[in-house]
Each structure stands twice: as C-alpha cells, then as structure tokens.
N, C-alpha and C. Protein backbone atom coordinates (compact mmCIF):
# COMPACT_ATOMS: atom_id res chain seq x y z
N TYR A 1 0.47 -1.62 -0.41
CA TYR A 1 -0.13 -0.02 0.12
C TYR A 1 1.28 1.28 -0.34
N ASP A 2 2.42 1.21 0.42
CA ASP A 2 3.11 2.27 0.09
C ASP A 2 3.15 3.37 -0.75
N PHE A 3 3.77 2.17 -2.26
CA PHE A 3 3.65 2.65 -3.16
C PHE A 3 3.14 1.46 -4.55
N CYS A 4 3.40 2.52 -5.92
CA CYS A 4 2.28 2.66 -6.91
C CYS A 4 3.15 1.64 -7.74
N SER A 5 3.71 0.66 -8.33
CA SER A 5 3.64 -0.96 -9.47
C SER A 5 3.39 -0.47 -10.84
N LYS A 6 1.77 0.36 -10.33
CA LYS A 6 1.09 -0.14 -11.87
C LYS A 6 1.36 0.81 -13.25
N PRO A 7 1.51 -0.74 -13.97
CA PRO A 7 2.06 0.65 -15.29
C PRO A 7 1.23 1.22 -15.85
N LEU A 8 1.31 2.18 -17.00
CA LEU A 8 0.05 3.14 -17.54
C LEU A 8 0.97 2.47 -18.89
N PRO A 9 0.49 2.71 -20.21
CA PRO A 9 0.93 3.44 -21.30
C PRO A 9 1.41 4.50 -20.86
N GLU A 10 2.76 5.07 -21.82
CA GLU A 10 4.20 5.42 -21.96
C GLU A 10 3.51 7.15 -21.85
N HIS A 11 2.16 7.50 -22.98
CA HIS A 11 2.23 8.50 -22.83
C HIS A 11 1.32 9.22 -22.41
N GLU A 12 0.56 8.37 -21.30
CA GLU A 12 0.11 8.11 -20.24
C GLU A 12 0.77 8.72 -18.29
N GLU A 13 2.01 7.35 -18.89
CA GLU A 13 2.70 7.85 -17.65
C GLU A 13 3.96 9.70 -17.64
N ALA A 14 3.73 9.29 -19.15
CA ALA A 14 4.73 10.93 -19.85
C ALA A 14 2.99 12.19 -18.27
N LEU A 15 3.09 11.72 -18.91
CA LEU A 15 1.50 13.18 -17.97
C LEU A 15 1.87 12.51 -16.43
N LEU A 16 2.22 11.57 -16.11
CA LEU A 16 2.08 10.74 -14.60
C LEU A 16 2.80 11.88 -14.66
N GLN A 17 4.34 11.21 -14.59
CA GLN A 17 5.10 12.04 -13.95
C GLN A 17 5.29 13.79 -14.16
N SER A 18 4.78 14.26 -15.25
CA SER A 18 5.10 15.66 -15.73
C SER A 18 4.46 15.93 -13.67
N VAL A 19 2.94 16.12 -13.86
CA VAL A 19 2.14 15.93 -12.81
C VAL A 19 2.53 15.96 -12.22
N MET A 20 3.78 14.69 -11.24
CA MET A 20 3.31 14.00 -10.38
C MET A 20 4.94 15.96 -9.96
N MET A 21 5.65 15.61 -10.99
CA MET A 21 7.09 16.88 -10.95
C MET A 21 6.47 17.90 -9.68
N ARG A 22 5.30 18.38 -11.21
CA ARG A 22 4.57 19.94 -10.45
C ARG A 22 3.99 20.00 -9.29
N LEU A 23 3.20 18.56 -8.56
CA LEU A 23 2.18 18.72 -6.89
C LEU A 23 4.09 18.01 -6.25
N THR A 24 4.95 18.26 -6.42
CA THR A 24 5.11 17.33 -5.33
C THR A 24 6.66 18.90 -5.32
N ASP A 25 6.87 19.49 -6.03
CA ASP A 25 6.85 21.20 -5.97
C ASP A 25 6.47 21.76 -5.15
N ILE A 26 5.02 21.75 -5.33
CA ILE A 26 3.67 22.81 -4.57
C ILE A 26 4.44 22.39 -3.48
N VAL A 27 3.98 20.78 -3.01
CA VAL A 27 3.18 20.06 -1.72
C VAL A 27 4.42 20.76 -0.94
N ALA A 28 6.56 20.02 -1.12
CA ALA A 28 7.57 20.70 -0.60
C ALA A 28 7.26 21.97 -0.37
N LYS A 29 7.71 22.74 -1.44
CA LYS A 29 6.59 24.42 -1.30
C LYS A 29 5.98 25.17 0.00
N ARG A 30 5.03 24.20 0.09
CA ARG A 30 4.43 24.20 1.07
C ARG A 30 4.17 24.43 2.43
N GLY A 31 4.73 23.39 2.57
CA GLY A 31 5.89 22.02 3.54
C GLY A 31 4.92 21.00 4.68
N THR A 32 3.24 21.22 4.26
CA THR A 32 1.93 20.47 4.54
C THR A 32 1.71 18.89 4.54
N PRO A 33 2.40 18.20 5.13
CA PRO A 33 1.86 16.84 4.63
C PRO A 33 0.14 16.47 3.94
N VAL A 34 0.49 16.12 3.49
CA VAL A 34 -0.83 15.70 2.21
C VAL A 34 -1.87 15.04 3.11
N LYS A 35 -0.94 13.98 3.43
CA LYS A 35 -2.11 12.77 3.79
C LYS A 35 -2.82 12.46 5.56
N PRO A 36 -2.82 13.64 5.90
CA PRO A 36 -4.46 13.44 7.21
C PRO A 36 -5.04 14.22 6.84
N PHE A 37 -5.45 14.92 5.13
CA PHE A 37 -6.23 15.14 4.34
C PHE A 37 -6.16 14.10 4.05
N PHE A 38 -6.06 12.73 4.00
CA PHE A 38 -7.24 11.77 2.80
C PHE A 38 -8.13 10.99 4.79
N ASP A 39 -6.31 10.89 5.27
CA ASP A 39 -7.04 9.82 6.39
C ASP A 39 -8.34 10.56 7.11
N ASP A 40 -8.77 11.61 7.00
CA ASP A 40 -10.23 12.20 7.38
C ASP A 40 -11.32 11.86 6.01
N ALA A 41 -10.89 12.53 5.53
CA ALA A 41 -11.78 11.32 4.79
C ALA A 41 -11.85 10.03 4.47
N ALA A 42 -11.52 8.91 4.74
CA ALA A 42 -10.98 7.93 4.73
C ALA A 42 -12.25 7.75 6.31
N ALA A 43 -11.82 8.21 7.09
CA ALA A 43 -11.93 8.12 8.26
C ALA A 43 -13.87 8.74 8.54
N ASP A 44 -14.62 9.69 7.15
CA ASP A 44 -16.00 9.46 6.76
C ASP A 44 -16.85 8.24 6.82
N ASP A 45 -17.88 9.32 7.00
CA ASP A 45 -18.64 8.18 7.67
C ASP A 45 -19.49 7.28 6.24
N HIS A 46 -19.70 7.91 4.60
CA HIS A 46 -19.41 7.40 3.54
C HIS A 46 -18.50 7.01 2.42
N SER A 47 -17.36 6.87 4.13
CA SER A 47 -15.94 7.09 2.88
C SER A 47 -16.44 5.31 2.43
N ALA A 48 -15.50 5.00 1.56
CA ALA A 48 -15.17 3.00 0.99
C ALA A 48 -14.84 1.96 2.14
N LYS A 49 -14.45 2.47 3.82
CA LYS A 49 -13.81 1.85 4.60
C LYS A 49 -12.36 0.55 3.87
N LEU A 50 -12.16 0.73 3.11
CA LEU A 50 -10.90 -0.26 2.64
C LEU A 50 -9.76 0.89 3.21
N PHE A 51 -8.58 0.48 4.06
CA PHE A 51 -7.50 0.92 3.94
C PHE A 51 -6.34 1.68 3.28
N GLY A 52 -6.76 3.22 3.45
CA GLY A 52 -5.24 3.74 2.66
C GLY A 52 -6.37 3.96 1.13
N HIS A 53 -7.52 3.90 0.98
CA HIS A 53 -7.70 4.49 0.41
C HIS A 53 -9.27 5.34 0.30
N VAL A 54 -9.76 6.02 -0.72
CA VAL A 54 -11.07 7.34 -0.19
C VAL A 54 -11.37 6.38 -2.11
N THR A 55 -12.39 7.21 -2.24
CA THR A 55 -13.05 7.64 -3.31
C THR A 55 -13.14 8.19 -4.20
N ILE A 56 -12.59 7.95 -5.57
CA ILE A 56 -12.55 8.96 -6.79
C ILE A 56 -13.03 10.44 -6.47
N PRO A 57 -14.81 10.59 -5.87
CA PRO A 57 -14.80 12.24 -6.05
C PRO A 57 -13.77 12.54 -4.16
N GLN A 58 -14.26 11.65 -2.92
CA GLN A 58 -13.29 12.29 -2.24
C GLN A 58 -11.62 12.69 -2.23
N PHE A 59 -10.93 11.87 -3.42
CA PHE A 59 -9.88 12.89 -3.84
C PHE A 59 -9.45 13.56 -3.90
N ARG A 60 -10.37 13.78 -5.72
CA ARG A 60 -10.70 15.52 -5.36
C ARG A 60 -10.76 15.94 -5.47
N GLN A 61 -11.85 15.58 -4.16
CA GLN A 61 -11.98 16.79 -3.41
C GLN A 61 -10.95 17.07 -2.66
N CYS A 62 -10.28 16.06 -2.09
CA CYS A 62 -8.67 16.16 -0.80
C CYS A 62 -8.82 17.48 -2.11
N LEU A 63 -7.14 17.13 -2.90
CA LEU A 63 -7.19 17.33 -4.50
C LEU A 63 -7.64 19.19 -4.45
N SER A 64 -8.58 19.99 -5.01
CA SER A 64 -9.19 20.26 -5.59
C SER A 64 -9.36 21.59 -3.82
N THR A 65 -10.05 21.10 -2.61
CA THR A 65 -10.79 22.00 -2.28
C THR A 65 -9.41 21.86 -0.42
N LYS A 66 -9.65 19.99 -0.19
CA LYS A 66 -8.92 20.83 0.40
C LYS A 66 -6.91 21.00 0.49
N LEU A 67 -6.58 20.39 -0.48
CA LEU A 67 -4.92 20.98 -0.41
C LEU A 67 -4.91 22.24 -1.08
N GLN A 68 -5.58 22.14 -2.18
CA GLN A 68 -5.82 23.51 -3.14
C GLN A 68 -4.91 23.14 -4.09
N LEU A 69 -4.88 22.01 -4.63
CA LEU A 69 -3.82 21.41 -5.92
C LEU A 69 -4.34 21.80 -7.01
N GLU A 70 -4.49 22.78 -7.93
CA GLU A 70 -5.20 23.03 -9.63
C GLU A 70 -5.16 21.29 -10.65
N THR A 71 -5.87 20.45 -10.90
CA THR A 71 -5.53 19.46 -12.06
C THR A 71 -6.50 19.83 -13.05
N SER A 72 -5.89 19.43 -14.16
CA SER A 72 -6.89 18.96 -14.80
C SER A 72 -7.65 17.96 -14.85
N GLU A 73 -8.76 18.00 -15.60
CA GLU A 73 -9.90 17.26 -15.51
C GLU A 73 -9.09 15.21 -16.08
N GLU A 74 -7.70 15.49 -17.62
CA GLU A 74 -7.39 14.64 -17.71
C GLU A 74 -6.31 14.33 -16.55
N GLU A 75 -5.18 15.37 -15.49
CA GLU A 75 -4.26 15.03 -14.73
C GLU A 75 -5.14 14.13 -13.57
N ILE A 76 -6.40 14.46 -12.88
CA ILE A 76 -6.50 13.37 -12.56
C ILE A 76 -7.69 12.08 -12.87
N ARG A 77 -7.99 11.72 -13.79
CA ARG A 77 -7.87 10.59 -14.68
C ARG A 77 -6.33 9.82 -14.68
N VAL A 78 -5.75 10.60 -15.09
CA VAL A 78 -4.04 9.51 -15.04
C VAL A 78 -4.15 8.76 -13.50
N ILE A 79 -3.64 10.27 -12.93
CA ILE A 79 -3.61 9.45 -11.12
C ILE A 79 -4.59 8.48 -10.82
N VAL A 80 -6.20 8.76 -11.16
CA VAL A 80 -6.49 8.38 -10.24
C VAL A 80 -6.44 6.38 -11.30
N ARG A 81 -6.51 6.72 -12.24
CA ARG A 81 -5.56 5.47 -13.10
C ARG A 81 -4.32 4.73 -12.94
N LYS A 82 -3.31 5.20 -12.66
CA LYS A 82 -2.41 4.91 -11.45
C LYS A 82 -2.59 4.49 -10.09
N PHE A 83 -2.59 5.40 -9.28
CA PHE A 83 -2.88 4.50 -7.81
C PHE A 83 -4.89 3.59 -7.88
N SER A 84 -5.23 3.67 -8.67
CA SER A 84 -7.04 2.79 -8.20
C SER A 84 -5.71 1.66 -8.02
N HIS A 85 -7.18 0.81 -7.01
CA HIS A 85 -7.54 -0.38 -5.96
C HIS A 85 -6.99 -0.98 -7.46
N GLU A 86 -6.64 -2.51 -7.97
CA GLU A 86 -7.00 -3.19 -9.06
C GLU A 86 -8.46 -3.85 -9.03
N ASP A 87 -8.62 -4.35 -7.98
CA ASP A 87 -10.13 -5.17 -7.57
C ASP A 87 -11.43 -4.50 -7.01
N LYS A 88 -11.26 -2.74 -7.43
CA LYS A 88 -12.46 -2.09 -7.34
C LYS A 88 -11.32 -0.54 -7.26
N PRO A 89 -11.62 -0.12 -8.79
CA PRO A 89 -10.86 0.73 -9.45
C PRO A 89 -11.65 2.14 -9.07
N GLU A 90 -13.20 2.15 -8.82
CA GLU A 90 -13.77 3.01 -8.23
C GLU A 90 -12.95 3.56 -6.53
N LEU A 91 -12.07 3.37 -6.27
CA LEU A 91 -11.07 3.40 -4.93
C LEU A 91 -9.15 4.45 -5.30
N VAL A 92 -9.42 4.72 -4.36
CA VAL A 92 -7.62 5.32 -5.17
C VAL A 92 -6.47 5.27 -3.62
N ASN A 93 -5.71 4.59 -3.60
CA ASN A 93 -4.64 4.63 -2.90
C ASN A 93 -4.62 5.67 -2.62
N TYR A 94 -4.87 6.62 -1.82
CA TYR A 94 -4.37 7.62 -1.24
C TYR A 94 -2.46 7.51 -0.68
N ILE A 95 -2.45 6.61 0.27
CA ILE A 95 -1.07 6.25 0.98
C ILE A 95 -0.14 6.67 -0.20
N ALA A 96 -0.48 5.42 -1.62
CA ALA A 96 0.77 5.89 -2.47
C ALA A 96 0.60 6.71 -3.46
N TRP A 97 -0.53 7.45 -3.50
CA TRP A 97 -0.82 8.72 -4.17
C TRP A 97 0.01 10.31 -2.61
N SER A 98 -0.16 9.92 -1.63
CA SER A 98 0.84 11.16 -0.51
C SER A 98 2.43 10.01 -0.74
N ASN A 99 2.67 8.90 -0.15
CA ASN A 99 3.98 8.88 -0.62
C ASN A 99 4.75 9.17 -1.72
N THR A 100 4.13 9.84 -2.51
CA THR A 100 5.03 9.85 -4.43
C THR A 100 5.07 11.15 -3.96
N VAL A 101 3.98 11.97 -3.46
CA VAL A 101 3.84 13.42 -3.58
C VAL A 101 4.62 13.72 -2.75
N ASP A 102 4.74 13.62 -1.54
CA ASP A 102 4.84 14.17 -0.27
C ASP A 102 5.29 12.58 0.35
N PRO A 103 6.81 12.69 0.02
CA PRO A 103 7.60 11.39 0.18
C PRO A 103 8.38 11.26 2.55
N PRO A 104 7.52 10.17 2.52
CA PRO A 104 8.19 10.56 4.08
C PRO A 104 9.98 11.41 4.40
N ARG A 105 9.53 11.24 5.75
CA ARG A 105 10.73 12.43 6.27
C ARG A 105 11.16 10.65 7.16
N PHE A 106 12.09 9.83 7.03
CA PHE A 106 12.87 9.82 8.48
C PHE A 106 13.64 10.49 9.04
C-alpha cells in the first residue's frame, strides 16, 4: 500500500510524471503533509472503509478543496488510473499517492 508500481501506457506515464513533479514541488514548498487530509476523508461515515483508500470523488475533493492543488480532468484521470485499487477501480490508494507526492521524512 505504500507505493504504486502499476504500469501505464507510455503517454499516460509521461503525463503522470509531469503532473507529479509539479504537485511534489508545490507540496514541498508549502511544507504541509498531505496524507492527514485523506485520513480525514477515509474516516468519514460515507467512505469506502478500505484501508488507505478513498473514493474518486473524495480524492478529487481533497486535491481541489482541502489541498488546493489545481489539476485538469486529464491529470486527475491519469492519477486515478495509476493509483486505483486493482479490484475496486472506484477507489484510490491515497497512501501510495501521498508517499509519491510527499515522501515520508525519516
């Protein structure tokens, strides 16, 4: 659950790398951990209740409203494809996404 190794087609992987670099830079400059915002969404009564996962609408809301990270529909789509649960594609692994965009500091 900590990281994602799901392969994407080359053109989607290139877009993903570009958006992840941009978001990582923004998150690093702000210095605010991103995972706690998703933890709050996952604890919601309407959440999917699968450890480390939130629904796609919850993921979008955390990005746009709580974290104020601007992303296009295409960028969201490729992030979701990369970090979605293999058996439940309507769920996004926010732990893997958070560890990628905001690596743990030990």
